[in-house]
């Protein structure tokens, strides 16, 4: 019988998502696939990261959402 992995904390999940942005602009699906998180989890955490000013939307349509790390202005 397989043991269940311990749940990750919100902090761990958000760090994982932010680290994935090192690859550039990403869709929610791309992040979900490369991190092993569900689409819904990624979407919810991205909303939080937008609110914190760390991530910004590049393009949002009915079918796709593309995000990137927010550029820090000097």
PDB file of N, CA and C in Angstrom:
ATOM      1  N   UNK A   1       0.833  -1.187   0.000  1.00  0.00           N
ATOM      2  CA  UNK A   1       0.000   0.000   0.000  1.00  0.00           C
ATOM      3  C   UNK A   1       0.881   1.256   0.000  1.00  0.00           C
ATOM      4  N   UNK A   2       0.553   2.188  -0.882  1.00  0.00           N
ATOM      5  CA  UNK A   2       1.346   3.413  -0.975  1.00  0.00           C
ATOM      6  C   UNK A   2       0.976   4.388   0.120  1.00  0.00           C
ATOM      7  N   UNK A   3       1.992   4.981   0.697  1.00  0.00           N
ATOM      8  CA  UNK A   3       1.748   6.005   1.711  1.00  0.00           C
ATOM      9  C   UNK A   3       1.510   7.331   1.020  1.00  0.00           C
ATOM     10  N   UNK A   4       0.633   8.088   1.588  1.00  0.00           N
ATOM     11  CA  UNK A   4       0.330   9.404   1.056  1.00  0.00           C
ATOM     12  C   UNK A   4       1.419  10.393   1.416  1.00  0.00           C
ATOM     13  N   UNK A   5       1.750  11.255   0.461  1.00  0.00           N
ATOM     14  CA  UNK A   5       2.731  12.298   0.721  1.00  0.00           C
ATOM     15  C   UNK A   5       2.120  13.310   1.690  1.00  0.00           C
ATOM     16  N   UNK A   6       2.928  13.854   2.587  1.00  0.00           N
ATOM     17  CA  UNK A   6       2.376  14.893   3.468  1.00  0.00           C
ATOM     18  C   UNK A   6       1.971  16.110   2.643  1.00  0.00           C
ATOM     19  N   UNK A   7       0.909  16.781   3.096  1.00  0.00           N
ATOM     20  CA  UNK A   7       0.444  17.963   2.367  1.00  0.00           C
ATOM     21  C   UNK A   7       1.504  19.045   2.388  1.00  0.00           C
ATOM     22  N   UNK A   8       1.621  19.746   1.264  1.00  0.00           N
ATOM     23  CA  UNK A   8       2.557  20.867   1.193  1.00  0.00           C
ATOM     24  C   UNK A   8       1.894  22.101   1.787  1.00  0.00           C
ATOM     25  N   UNK A   9       2.707  22.974   2.341  1.00  0.00           N
ATOM     26  CA  UNK A   9       2.164  24.215   2.892  1.00  0.00           C
ATOM     27  C   UNK A   9       1.925  25.202   1.758  1.00  0.00           C
ATOM     28  N   UNK A  10       1.119  26.227   2.033  1.00  0.00           N
ATOM     29  CA  UNK A  10       0.882  27.261   1.031  1.00  0.00           C
ATOM     30  C   UNK A  10       2.200  27.877   0.599  1.00  0.00           C
ATOM     31  N   UNK A  11       3.097  28.109   1.553  1.00  0.00           N
ATOM     32  CA  UNK A  11       4.394  28.710   1.250  1.00  0.00           C
ATOM     33  C   UNK A  11       5.179  27.833   0.268  1.00  0.00           C
ATOM     34  N   UNK A  12       5.205  26.530   0.516  1.00  0.00           N
ATOM     35  CA  UNK A  12       5.927  25.604  -0.365  1.00  0.00           C
ATOM     36  C   UNK A  12       5.319  25.602  -1.774  1.00  0.00           C
ATOM     37  N   UNK A  13       3.994  25.610  -1.847  1.00  0.00           N
ATOM     38  CA  UNK A  13       3.312  25.593  -3.140  1.00  0.00           C
ATOM     39  C   UNK A  13       3.620  26.871  -3.915  1.00  0.00           C
ATOM     40  N   UNK A  14       3.558  28.007  -3.222  1.00  0.00           N
ATOM     41  CA  UNK A  14       3.810  29.290  -3.900  1.00  0.00           C
ATOM     42  C   UNK A  14       5.252  29.412  -4.346  1.00  0.00           C
ATOM     43  N   UNK A  15       6.183  28.902  -3.568  1.00  0.00           N
ATOM     44  CA  UNK A  15       7.592  28.914  -3.977  1.00  0.00           C
ATOM     45  C   UNK A  15       7.801  28.045  -5.212  1.00  0.00           C
ATOM     46  N   UNK A  16       7.120  26.913  -5.251  1.00  0.00           N
ATOM     47  CA  UNK A  16       7.194  26.008  -6.395  1.00  0.00           C
ATOM     48  C   UNK A  16       6.670  26.697  -7.662  1.00  0.00           C
ATOM     49  N   UNK A  17       5.554  27.407  -7.533  1.00  0.00           N
ATOM     50  CA  UNK A  17       4.968  28.123  -8.668  1.00  0.00           C
ATOM     51  C   UNK A  17       5.894  29.247  -9.121  1.00  0.00           C
ATOM     52  N   UNK A  18       6.403  30.025  -8.176  1.00  0.00           N
ATOM     53  CA  UNK A  18       7.302  31.135  -8.536  1.00  0.00           C
ATOM     54  C   UNK A  18       8.575  30.618  -9.207  1.00  0.00           C
ATOM     55  N   UNK A  19       9.091  29.497  -8.726  1.00  0.00           N
ATOM     56  CA  UNK A  19      10.296  28.903  -9.318  1.00  0.00           C
ATOM     57  C   UNK A  19      10.030  28.487 -10.770  1.00  0.00           C
ATOM     58  N   UNK A  20       8.815  28.037 -11.048  1.00  0.00           N
ATOM     59  CA  UNK A  20       8.461  27.602 -12.403  1.00  0.00           C
ATOM     60  C   UNK A  20       8.470  28.767 -13.388  1.00  0.00           C
ATOM     61  N   UNK A  21       8.262  29.986 -12.890  1.00  0.00           N
ATOM     62  CA  UNK A  21       8.290  31.160 -13.760  1.00  0.00           C
ATOM     63  C   UNK A  21       9.696  31.483 -14.249  1.00  0.00           C
ATOM     64  N   UNK A  22      10.720  30.786 -13.749  1.00  0.00           N
ATOM     65  CA  UNK A  22      12.082  30.997 -14.256  1.00  0.00           C
ATOM     66  C   UNK A  22      12.166  30.589 -15.728  1.00  0.00           C
ATOM     67  N   UNK A  23      11.184  29.823 -16.184  1.00  0.00           N
ATOM     68  CA  UNK A  23      11.129  29.390 -17.584  1.00  0.00           C
ATOM     69  C   UNK A  23      10.491  30.454 -18.474  1.00  0.00           C
ATOM     70  N   UNK A  24      10.041  31.560 -17.875  1.00  0.00           N
ATOM     71  CA  UNK A  24       9.416  32.639 -18.645  1.00  0.00           C
ATOM     72  C   UNK A  24       7.917  32.679 -18.433  1.00  0.00           C
ATOM     73  N   UNK A  25       7.217  33.231 -19.413  1.00  0.00           N
ATOM     74  CA  UNK A  25       5.759  33.316 -19.329  1.00  0.00           C
ATOM     75  C   UNK A  25       5.187  31.905 -19.315  1.00  0.00           C
ATOM     76  N   UNK A  26       4.163  31.719 -18.482  1.00  0.00           N
ATOM     77  CA  UNK A  26       3.601  30.371 -18.320  1.00  0.00           C
ATOM     78  C   UNK A  26       2.080  30.422 -18.283  1.00  0.00           C
ATOM     79  N   UNK A  27       1.464  29.352 -18.762  1.00  0.00           N
ATOM     80  CA  UNK A  27       0.018  29.197 -18.592  1.00  0.00           C
ATOM     81  C   UNK A  27      -0.226  28.416 -17.310  1.00  0.00           C
ATOM     82  N   UNK A  28      -1.449  28.469 -16.831  1.00  0.00           N
ATOM     83  CA  UNK A  28      -1.805  27.716 -15.630  1.00  0.00           C
ATOM     84  C   UNK A  28      -1.564  26.227 -15.868  1.00  0.00           C
ATOM     85  N   UNK A  29      -1.922  25.740 -17.062  1.00  0.00           N
ATOM     86  CA  UNK A  29      -1.727  24.317 -17.386  1.00  0.00           C
ATOM     87  C   UNK A  29      -0.250  23.925 -17.373  1.00  0.00           C
ATOM     88  N   UNK A  30       0.595  24.763 -17.944  1.00  0.00           N
ATOM     89  CA  UNK A  30       2.037  24.462 -17.969  1.00  0.00           C
ATOM     90  C   UNK A  30       2.593  24.358 -16.553  1.00  0.00           C
ATOM     91  N   UNK A  31       2.194  25.286 -15.702  1.00  0.00           N
ATOM     92  CA  UNK A  31       2.673  25.259 -14.317  1.00  0.00           C
ATOM     93  C   UNK A  31       2.153  24.007 -13.608  1.00  0.00           C
ATOM     94  N   UNK A  32       0.880  23.697 -13.817  1.00  0.00           N
ATOM     95  CA  UNK A  32       0.283  22.522 -13.177  1.00  0.00           C
ATOM     96  C   UNK A  32       1.011  21.244 -13.599  1.00  0.00           C
ATOM     97  N   UNK A  33       1.293  21.118 -14.883  1.00  0.00           N
ATOM     98  CA  UNK A  33       1.960  19.908 -15.374  1.00  0.00           C
ATOM     99  C   UNK A  33       3.384  19.788 -14.865  1.00  0.00           C
ATOM    100  N   UNK A  34       4.129  20.885 -14.839  1.00  0.00           N
ATOM    101  CA  UNK A  34       5.534  20.788 -14.448  1.00  0.00           C
ATOM    102  C   UNK A  34       5.726  20.707 -12.931  1.00  0.00           C
ATOM    103  N   UNK A  35       4.735  21.148 -12.154  1.00  0.00           N
ATOM    104  CA  UNK A  35       4.864  21.093 -10.692  1.00  0.00           C
ATOM    105  C   UNK A  35       4.130  19.907 -10.073  1.00  0.00           C
ATOM    106  N   UNK A  36       3.234  19.289 -10.835  1.00  0.00           N
ATOM    107  CA  UNK A  36       2.457  18.176 -10.296  1.00  0.00           C
ATOM    108  C   UNK A  36       1.269  18.633  -9.462  1.00  0.00           C
ATOM    109  N   UNK A  37       0.956  19.928  -9.531  1.00  0.00           N
ATOM    110  CA  UNK A  37      -0.195  20.461  -8.815  1.00  0.00           C
ATOM    111  C   UNK A  37      -1.418  20.414  -9.724  1.00  0.00           C
ATOM    112  N   UNK A  38      -2.600  20.560  -9.154  1.00  0.00           N
ATOM    113  CA  UNK A  38      -3.795  20.589  -9.986  1.00  0.00           C
ATOM    114  C   UNK A  38      -3.959  21.977 -10.591  1.00  0.00           C
ATOM    115  N   UNK A  39      -4.724  22.044 -11.685  1.00  0.00           N
ATOM    116  CA  UNK A  39      -4.987  23.318 -12.348  1.00  0.00           C
ATOM    117  C   UNK A  39      -5.634  24.284 -11.364  1.00  0.00           C
ATOM    118  N   UNK A  40      -6.603  23.805 -10.599  1.00  0.00           N
ATOM    119  CA  UNK A  40      -7.339  24.644  -9.648  1.00  0.00           C
ATOM    120  C   UNK A  40      -6.416  25.197  -8.560  1.00  0.00           C
ATOM    121  N   UNK A  41      -5.515  24.371  -8.058  1.00  0.00           N
ATOM    122  CA  UNK A  41      -4.572  24.819  -7.029  1.00  0.00           C
ATOM    123  C   UNK A  41      -3.677  25.921  -7.576  1.00  0.00           C
ATOM    124  N   UNK A  42      -3.139  25.712  -8.768  1.00  0.00           N
ATOM    125  CA  UNK A  42      -2.264  26.714  -9.387  1.00  0.00           C
ATOM    126  C   UNK A  42      -3.039  28.011  -9.600  1.00  0.00           C
ATOM    127  N   UNK A  43      -4.240  27.918 -10.136  1.00  0.00           N
ATOM    128  CA  UNK A  43      -5.052  29.101 -10.405  1.00  0.00           C
ATOM    129  C   UNK A  43      -5.314  29.894  -9.119  1.00  0.00           C
ATOM    130  N   UNK A  44      -5.678  29.212  -8.053  1.00  0.00           N
ATOM    131  CA  UNK A  44      -5.956  29.886  -6.777  1.00  0.00           C
ATOM    132  C   UNK A  44      -4.712  30.574  -6.210  1.00  0.00           C
ATOM    133  N   UNK A  45      -3.578  29.915  -6.285  1.00  0.00           N
ATOM    134  CA  UNK A  45      -2.353  30.499  -5.740  1.00  0.00           C
ATOM    135  C   UNK A  45      -1.853  31.656  -6.610  1.00  0.00           C
ATOM    136  N   UNK A  46      -2.067  31.580  -7.914  1.00  0.00           N
ATOM    137  CA  UNK A  46      -1.678  32.688  -8.788  1.00  0.00           C
ATOM    138  C   UNK A  46      -2.504  33.931  -8.448  1.00  0.00           C
ATOM    139  N   UNK A  47      -3.776  33.749  -8.149  1.00  0.00           N
ATOM    140  CA  UNK A  47      -4.615  34.883  -7.733  1.00  0.00           C
ATOM    141  C   UNK A  47      -4.000  35.545  -6.501  1.00  0.00           C
ATOM    142  N   UNK A  48      -3.545  34.738  -5.554  1.00  0.00           N
ATOM    143  CA  UNK A  48      -2.892  35.272  -4.354  1.00  0.00           C
ATOM    144  C   UNK A  48      -1.600  36.012  -4.722  1.00  0.00           C
ATOM    145  N   UNK A  49      -0.794  35.410  -5.595  1.00  0.00           N
ATOM    146  CA  UNK A  49       0.480  36.015  -5.983  1.00  0.00           C
ATOM    147  C   UNK A  49       0.285  37.320  -6.756  1.00  0.00           C
ATOM    148  N   UNK A  50      -0.793  37.426  -7.513  1.00  0.00           N
ATOM    149  CA  UNK A  50      -1.120  38.680  -8.199  1.00  0.00           C
ATOM    150  C   UNK A  50      -1.438  39.743  -7.149  1.00  0.00           C
ATOM    151  N   UNK A  51      -2.223  39.369  -6.160  1.00  0.00           N
ATOM    152  CA  UNK A  51      -2.577  40.293  -5.087  1.00  0.00           C
ATOM    153  C   UNK A  51      -1.365  40.792  -4.319  1.00  0.00           C
ATOM    154  N   UNK A  52      -0.343  39.941  -4.197  1.00  0.00           N
ATOM    155  CA  UNK A  52       0.890  40.317  -3.503  1.00  0.00           C
ATOM    156  C   UNK A  52       1.838  41.110  -4.403  1.00  0.00           C
ATOM    157  N   UNK A  53       1.491  41.238  -5.692  1.00  0.00           N
ATOM    158  CA  UNK A  53       2.310  42.013  -6.614  1.00  0.00           C
ATOM    159  C   UNK A  53       3.522  41.267  -7.153  1.00  0.00           C
ATOM    160  N   UNK A  54       3.501  39.945  -7.086  1.00  0.00           N
ATOM    161  CA  UNK A  54       4.643  39.153  -7.557  1.00  0.00           C
ATOM    162  C   UNK A  54       4.462  38.638  -8.983  1.00  0.00           C
ATOM    163  N   UNK A  55       3.217  38.474  -9.405  1.00  0.00           N
ATOM    164  CA  UNK A  55       2.896  37.913 -10.720  1.00  0.00           C
ATOM    165  C   UNK A  55       1.901  38.851 -11.388  1.00  0.00           C
ATOM    166  N   UNK A  56       1.970  38.926 -12.728  1.00  0.00           N
ATOM    167  CA  UNK A  56       1.002  39.738 -13.464  1.00  0.00           C
ATOM    168  C   UNK A  56       0.501  38.975 -14.683  1.00  0.00           C
ATOM    169  N   UNK A  57      -0.750  39.227 -15.060  1.00  0.00           N
ATOM    170  CA  UNK A  57      -1.275  38.568 -16.262  1.00  0.00           C
ATOM    171  C   UNK A  57      -0.687  39.199 -17.514  1.00  0.00           C
ATOM    172  N   UNK A  58      -0.422  38.367 -18.506  1.00  0.00           N
ATOM    173  CA  UNK A  58       0.058  38.833 -19.798  1.00  0.00           C
ATOM    174  C   UNK A  58      -1.109  38.805 -20.777  1.00  0.00           C
ATOM    175  N   UNK A  59      -1.879  37.721 -20.732  1.00  0.00           N
ATOM    176  CA  UNK A  59      -3.006  37.530 -21.632  1.00  0.00           C
ATOM    177  C   UNK A  59      -4.025  36.629 -20.957  1.00  0.00           C
ATOM    178  N   UNK A  60      -5.287  37.052 -20.982  1.00  0.00           N
ATOM    179  CA  UNK A  60      -6.349  36.223 -20.414  1.00  0.00           C
ATOM    180  C   UNK A  60      -7.502  36.190 -21.393  1.00  0.00           C
ATOM    181  N   UNK A  61      -7.916  34.988 -21.757  1.00  0.00           N
ATOM    182  CA  UNK A  61      -9.084  34.821 -22.619  1.00  0.00           C
ATOM    183  C   UNK A  61      -9.964  33.743 -21.988  1.00  0.00           C
ATOM    184  N   UNK A  62     -11.006  33.409 -22.680  1.00  0.00           N
ATOM    185  CA  UNK A  62     -11.917  32.377 -22.200  1.00  0.00           C
ATOM    186  C   UNK A  62     -11.216  31.021 -22.120  1.00  0.00           C
ATOM    187  N   UNK A  63     -10.193  30.830 -22.942  1.00  0.00           N
ATOM    188  CA  UNK A  63      -9.562  29.518 -23.063  1.00  0.00           C
ATOM    189  C   UNK A  63      -8.172  29.406 -22.462  1.00  0.00           C
ATOM    190  N   UNK A  64      -7.491  30.528 -22.257  1.00  0.00           N
ATOM    191  CA  UNK A  64      -6.111  30.447 -21.762  1.00  0.00           C
ATOM    192  C   UNK A  64      -5.795  31.651 -20.882  1.00  0.00           C
ATOM    193  N   UNK A  65      -4.960  31.411 -19.880  1.00  0.00           N
ATOM    194  CA  UNK A  65      -4.458  32.474 -19.012  1.00  0.00           C
ATOM    195  C   UNK A  65      -2.938  32.375 -19.009  1.00  0.00           C
ATOM    196  N   UNK A  66      -2.265  33.468 -19.382  1.00  0.00           N
ATOM    197  CA  UNK A  66      -0.806  33.481 -19.414  1.00  0.00           C
ATOM    198  C   UNK A  66      -0.324  34.520 -18.412  1.00  0.00           C
ATOM    199  N   UNK A  67       0.651  34.120 -17.603  1.00  0.00           N
ATOM    200  CA  UNK A  67       1.176  34.988 -16.553  1.00  0.00           C
ATOM    201  C   UNK A  67       2.695  35.069 -16.647  1.00  0.00           C
ATOM    202  N   UNK A  68       3.252  36.068 -15.968  1.00  0.00           N
ATOM    203  CA  UNK A  68       4.703  36.195 -15.843  1.00  0.00           C
ATOM    204  C   UNK A  68       5.007  36.835 -14.494  1.00  0.00           C
ATOM    205  N   UNK A  69       6.275  36.731 -14.099  1.00  0.00           N
ATOM    206  CA  UNK A  69       6.709  37.416 -12.890  1.00  0.00           C
ATOM    207  C   UNK A  69       6.607  38.911 -13.149  1.00  0.00           C
ATOM    208  N   UNK A  70       6.174  39.641 -12.168  1.00  0.00           N
ATOM    209  CA  UNK A  70       6.047  41.089 -12.324  1.00  0.00           C
ATOM    210  C   UNK A  70       7.429  41.712 -12.375  1.00  0.00           C
ATOM    211  N   UNK A  71       7.607  42.618 -13.302  1.00  0.00           N
ATOM    212  CA  UNK A  71       8.889  43.299 -13.456  1.00  0.00           C
ATOM    213  C   UNK A  71       9.046  44.344 -12.360  1.00  0.00           C
ATOM    214  N   UNK A  72      10.149  44.319 -11.675  1.00  0.00           N
ATOM    215  CA  UNK A  72      10.425  45.288 -10.621  1.00  0.00           C
ATOM    216  C   UNK A  72      11.027  46.519 -11.266  1.00  0.00           C
ATOM    217  N   UNK A  73      10.415  47.655 -11.007  1.00  0.00           N
ATOM    218  CA  UNK A  73      10.908  48.914 -11.593  1.00  0.00           C
ATOM    219  C   UNK A  73      11.987  49.507 -10.687  1.00  0.00           C
ATOM    220  N   UNK A  74      13.139  49.883 -11.286  1.00  0.00           N
ATOM    221  CA  UNK A  74      14.239  50.422 -10.460  1.00  0.00           C
ATOM    222  C   UNK A  74      13.922  51.777  -9.880  1.00  0.00           C
TER     223      UNK A  74
END
